[in-house]
Amino acid sequence: MARYGAWVPRILPSLEIEGELRREGAQVIAGVDEVGRGAWAGPVSVGVVVIDDLERQVPTGVCDSKMLTRPQRTALVPAIESWAAAWGIGHASARECDVLGMRGAIAVATSRAIEASGLVPDAIICDGPLDLLGAETLAVAALTAEHAWRRARAPKVRAVVKGDQHCASVAAASILAKVARDDLMVELGVPAEFGFESNAGYPAPKHLQALEHFGLTEFHRQSWSFAERYRKA
């Protein structure tokens, strides 16, 4: 369990919106959140936390992952996995971010996370203003077989701005996604000079210095505007 000392989050997420969806008829509800949208390298990753019992107490310390230190997030993972009816992580590679665009890549990663959870929810809470599972974002012929779960049942989607601050299931998903992506960035095998163990592919000073020396790796988002500067002839 995470230890906070004298510090506590200013905003504690609740199950209020999950409760609203339950009253509207949803029995199995999933919170969804993504990490890595603004990174220059690595995948965009999505966490899904599925809950079916709103009476179970939310694990102490669950809040927006950005408000927690890395050790605090890691310490919360077992409690979240025990609390959830199911959970899953999905990734869309840097190459997929280039080909599909960020909205499409997040939609694909979300669908993969739901597939990994093994449960198709009745309702999904997305963090942010957009329904990232809209049919238009997945209308890619090569991906239709991968997302066959969508044909079995179409979940209701509720987009909630700052959902990771207000919805416990979304906050929990944000923690799982952040921990999984941070671990993955360390495992990519990129030279240590890039500092992915600390910057996770975001444009921190150590990352920028390595780009000047080594240029782009296969894990960088080649279509982004920054890439032209570091592309080697």
Protein backbone atom coordinates (compact mmCIF):
# COMPACT_ATOMS: atom_id res chain seq x y z
CA MET A 1 0.00 0.00 0.00
CA ALA A 2 1.27 3.48 -0.80
CA ARG A 3 2.36 5.62 2.13
CA TYR A 4 1.69 9.34 1.99
CA GLY A 5 2.87 10.72 5.33
CA ALA A 6 1.39 14.20 5.78
CA TRP A 7 0.49 14.51 2.09
CA VAL A 8 -2.88 13.47 0.71
CA PRO A 9 -4.32 14.05 -2.78
CA ARG A 10 -6.43 17.19 -3.12
CA ILE A 11 -9.00 15.30 -5.16
CA LEU A 12 -10.02 11.79 -4.23
CA PRO A 13 -11.88 9.90 -6.96
CA SER A 14 -15.16 8.22 -6.14
CA LEU A 15 -17.56 5.72 -7.69
CA GLU A 16 -20.25 8.34 -8.27
CA ILE A 17 -20.24 8.15 -12.08
CA GLU A 18 -19.88 4.38 -11.95
CA GLY A 19 -22.99 4.43 -9.74
CA GLU A 20 -24.87 6.55 -12.27
CA LEU A 21 -24.09 3.99 -14.97
CA ARG A 22 -25.23 1.19 -12.67
CA ARG A 23 -28.57 2.95 -12.14
CA GLU A 24 -28.89 3.24 -15.92
CA GLY A 25 -28.61 -0.53 -16.18
CA ALA A 26 -24.91 -1.29 -16.59
CA GLN A 27 -23.72 -4.18 -14.44
CA VAL A 28 -20.09 -4.45 -15.59
CA ILE A 29 -18.32 -1.10 -15.82
CA ALA A 30 -14.80 -0.35 -17.00
CA GLY A 31 -12.62 2.69 -16.36
CA VAL A 32 -10.13 3.47 -19.13
CA ASP A 33 -7.12 5.78 -19.24
CA GLU A 34 -4.11 6.25 -21.50
CA VAL A 35 -0.50 7.24 -20.91
CA GLY A 36 2.22 8.21 -23.35
CA ARG A 37 0.17 10.48 -25.61
CA GLY A 38 2.79 13.24 -25.48
CA ALA A 39 5.92 11.08 -25.45
CA TRP A 40 8.35 11.21 -28.36
CA ALA A 41 9.21 7.53 -28.13
CA GLY A 42 7.54 4.29 -27.15
CA PRO A 43 3.94 3.17 -27.33
CA VAL A 44 0.78 4.84 -26.22
CA SER A 45 -0.58 2.56 -23.51
CA VAL A 46 -4.06 2.09 -22.10
CA GLY A 47 -5.20 0.59 -18.82
CA VAL A 48 -8.64 -0.88 -18.28
CA VAL A 49 -10.06 -1.66 -14.83
CA VAL A 50 -13.36 -3.55 -14.85
CA ILE A 51 -15.57 -3.46 -11.77
CA ASP A 52 -18.84 -5.26 -11.09
CA ASP A 53 -19.26 -4.64 -7.33
CA LEU A 54 -19.61 -0.99 -6.34
CA GLU A 55 -19.81 -1.93 -2.67
CA ARG A 56 -16.17 -2.98 -2.51
CA GLN A 57 -13.98 -0.27 -1.03
CA VAL A 58 -11.66 1.52 -3.44
CA PRO A 59 -8.04 0.75 -2.50
CA THR A 60 -6.59 3.44 -0.28
CA GLY A 61 -4.37 5.81 -2.23
CA VAL A 62 -5.94 5.38 -5.66
CA CYS A 63 -5.97 8.74 -7.47
CA ASP A 64 -4.74 10.28 -10.72
CA SER A 65 -1.43 8.53 -11.45
CA LYS A 66 0.26 11.88 -12.14
CA MET A 67 -0.21 12.79 -8.46
CA LEU A 68 1.78 9.76 -7.30
CA THR A 69 5.46 8.91 -7.26
CA ARG A 70 6.66 5.85 -9.14
CA PRO A 71 7.07 3.78 -5.93
CA GLN A 72 3.56 4.76 -4.82
CA ARG A 73 2.08 3.68 -8.14
CA THR A 74 3.94 0.39 -8.12
CA ALA A 75 2.86 -0.34 -4.56
CA LEU A 76 -0.81 0.15 -5.50
CA VAL A 77 -0.81 -2.35 -8.38
CA PRO A 78 -1.53 -5.52 -6.33
CA ALA A 79 -4.40 -3.83 -4.47
CA ILE A 80 -5.95 -2.60 -7.73
CA GLU A 81 -5.65 -6.01 -9.35
CA SER A 82 -7.35 -7.60 -6.33
CA TRP A 83 -10.12 -4.98 -6.25
CA ALA A 84 -10.97 -5.20 -9.94
CA ALA A 85 -13.22 -7.87 -11.41
CA ALA A 86 -10.76 -7.86 -14.30
CA TRP A 87 -8.08 -5.61 -15.72
CA GLY A 88 -6.01 -5.32 -18.87
CA ILE A 89 -3.24 -3.33 -20.53
CA GLY A 90 -3.03 -2.55 -24.24
CA HIS A 91 -0.30 -0.88 -26.25
CA ALA A 92 -0.09 0.72 -29.67
CA SER A 93 3.48 0.96 -30.94
CA ALA A 94 5.26 4.11 -32.09
CA ARG A 95 4.81 2.84 -35.65
CA GLU A 96 1.06 2.51 -35.10
CA CYS A 97 0.98 6.04 -33.67
CA ASP A 98 2.55 7.21 -36.93
CA VAL A 99 0.22 5.23 -39.19
CA LEU A 100 -3.08 5.57 -37.33
CA GLY A 101 -2.65 8.98 -35.71
CA MET A 102 -2.89 9.42 -31.97
CA ARG A 103 -6.66 9.07 -31.71
CA GLY A 104 -6.66 5.88 -33.73
CA ALA A 105 -3.68 4.47 -31.82
CA ILE A 106 -5.38 5.11 -28.47
CA ALA A 107 -8.55 3.45 -29.74
CA VAL A 108 -6.58 0.38 -30.82
CA ALA A 109 -4.68 0.22 -27.52
CA THR A 110 -7.98 0.57 -25.62
CA SER A 111 -9.53 -2.27 -27.57
CA ARG A 112 -6.47 -4.44 -26.90
CA ALA A 113 -6.70 -3.68 -23.18
CA ILE A 114 -10.36 -4.70 -23.07
CA GLU A 115 -9.52 -7.87 -24.99
CA ALA A 116 -6.74 -8.59 -22.47
CA SER A 117 -9.13 -8.15 -19.54
CA GLY A 118 -11.27 -11.03 -20.75
CA LEU A 119 -14.52 -9.20 -19.94
CA VAL A 120 -16.65 -7.06 -22.24
CA PRO A 121 -18.15 -4.30 -20.07
CA ASP A 122 -21.67 -2.94 -20.38
CA ALA A 123 -20.33 0.60 -19.97
CA ILE A 124 -16.94 2.26 -20.33
CA ILE A 125 -15.74 5.50 -18.75
CA CYS A 126 -13.05 7.20 -20.87
CA ASP A 127 -10.80 9.92 -19.50
CA GLY A 128 -11.19 13.05 -21.60
CA PRO A 129 -13.78 14.72 -23.82
CA LEU A 130 -13.88 12.17 -26.67
CA ASP A 131 -15.28 8.69 -27.18
CA LEU A 132 -12.04 6.99 -28.20
CA LEU A 133 -13.83 3.80 -29.12
CA GLY A 134 -15.99 5.36 -31.80
CA ALA A 135 -16.49 3.11 -34.81
CA GLU A 136 -14.78 5.58 -37.14
CA THR A 137 -11.47 5.26 -35.28
CA LEU A 138 -11.41 1.50 -35.76
CA ALA A 139 -12.57 1.42 -39.38
CA VAL A 140 -9.26 -0.07 -40.52
CA ALA A 141 -9.71 -3.31 -42.45
CA ALA A 142 -6.51 -4.85 -41.11
CA LEU A 143 -7.70 -4.46 -37.52
CA THR A 144 -11.28 -5.75 -37.72
CA ALA A 145 -10.43 -9.32 -36.73
CA GLU A 146 -8.36 -8.14 -33.75
CA HIS A 147 -11.33 -6.26 -32.33
CA ALA A 148 -13.95 -8.95 -32.80
CA TRP A 149 -15.11 -8.49 -29.20
CA ARG A 150 -16.89 -5.29 -30.29
CA ARG A 151 -19.30 -7.25 -32.47
CA ALA A 152 -20.54 -9.30 -29.53
CA ARG A 153 -21.77 -6.28 -27.57
CA ALA A 154 -21.39 -2.55 -27.99
CA PRO A 155 -20.70 -0.98 -24.57
CA LYS A 156 -22.10 2.40 -23.65
CA VAL A 157 -19.26 4.94 -23.51
CA ARG A 158 -19.18 7.89 -21.11
CA ALA A 159 -16.42 10.44 -21.76
CA VAL A 160 -15.50 12.32 -18.57
CA VAL A 161 -13.14 15.30 -18.58
CA LYS A 162 -10.50 14.73 -15.88
CA GLY A 163 -11.97 11.30 -15.32
CA ASP A 164 -8.75 10.15 -13.66
CA GLN A 165 -9.38 12.72 -10.92
CA HIS A 166 -13.07 11.97 -10.41
CA CYS A 167 -13.70 8.29 -11.24
CA ALA A 168 -12.04 5.61 -9.14
CA SER A 169 -12.06 3.03 -11.93
CA VAL A 170 -10.36 5.47 -14.32
CA ALA A 171 -7.78 6.51 -11.71
CA ALA A 172 -6.97 2.86 -11.08
CA ALA A 173 -6.63 2.27 -14.82
CA SER A 174 -4.27 5.24 -15.09
CA ILE A 175 -2.01 3.72 -12.43
CA LEU A 176 -1.86 0.31 -14.10
CA ALA A 177 -1.17 1.87 -17.49
CA LYS A 178 1.58 4.14 -16.16
CA VAL A 179 3.37 1.35 -14.30
CA ALA A 180 3.14 -1.01 -17.28
CA ARG A 181 4.41 1.57 -19.76
CA ASP A 182 7.26 2.72 -17.51
CA ASP A 183 8.39 -0.90 -17.14
CA LEU A 184 8.12 -1.46 -20.89
CA MET A 185 10.22 1.59 -21.69
CA VAL A 186 13.06 0.17 -19.60
CA GLU A 187 12.83 -3.15 -21.48
CA LEU A 188 13.06 -1.70 -25.01
CA GLY A 189 16.83 -2.11 -25.19
CA VAL A 190 17.50 1.50 -26.16
CA PRO A 191 20.97 2.78 -25.18
CA ALA A 192 21.08 3.94 -21.56
CA GLU A 193 22.04 7.43 -22.74
CA PHE A 194 18.40 8.06 -23.67
CA GLY A 195 17.38 7.77 -20.01
CA PHE A 196 14.08 6.03 -20.70
CA GLU A 197 14.14 4.56 -17.20
CA SER A 198 13.50 8.07 -15.85
CA ASN A 199 11.89 10.05 -18.69
CA ALA A 200 9.80 7.24 -20.28
CA GLY A 201 10.38 8.64 -23.76
CA TYR A 202 9.27 12.19 -23.03
CA PRO A 203 11.55 15.04 -24.26
CA ALA A 204 13.66 15.46 -21.13
CA PRO A 205 17.21 16.93 -21.38
CA LYS A 206 18.96 13.52 -21.29
CA HIS A 207 16.69 12.25 -24.05
CA LEU A 208 17.37 15.31 -26.21
CA GLN A 209 21.13 14.95 -25.76
CA ALA A 210 20.97 11.31 -26.83
CA LEU A 211 18.93 12.23 -29.90
CA GLU A 212 21.63 14.71 -30.92
CA HIS A 213 24.27 11.97 -30.65
CA PHE A 214 22.47 8.80 -31.78
CA GLY A 215 19.57 10.11 -33.83
CA LEU A 216 16.16 8.45 -33.94
CA THR A 217 15.61 4.85 -32.89
CA GLU A 218 12.95 2.48 -34.19
CA PHE A 219 10.93 3.33 -31.09
CA HIS A 220 10.59 7.04 -31.91
CA ARG A 221 7.47 8.48 -33.51
CA GLN A 222 8.90 9.22 -36.93
CA SER A 223 5.98 11.31 -38.21
CA TRP A 224 6.13 13.87 -35.41
CA SER A 225 7.57 17.30 -36.20
CA PHE A 226 10.53 16.91 -33.82
CA ALA A 227 11.81 13.88 -35.77
CA GLU A 228 13.05 15.83 -38.79
CA ARG A 229 15.71 17.55 -36.73
CA TYR A 230 17.18 14.26 -35.53
CA ARG A 231 16.84 12.18 -38.68
CA LYS A 232 20.23 10.92 -39.83
CA ALA A 233 21.05 10.94 -43.52
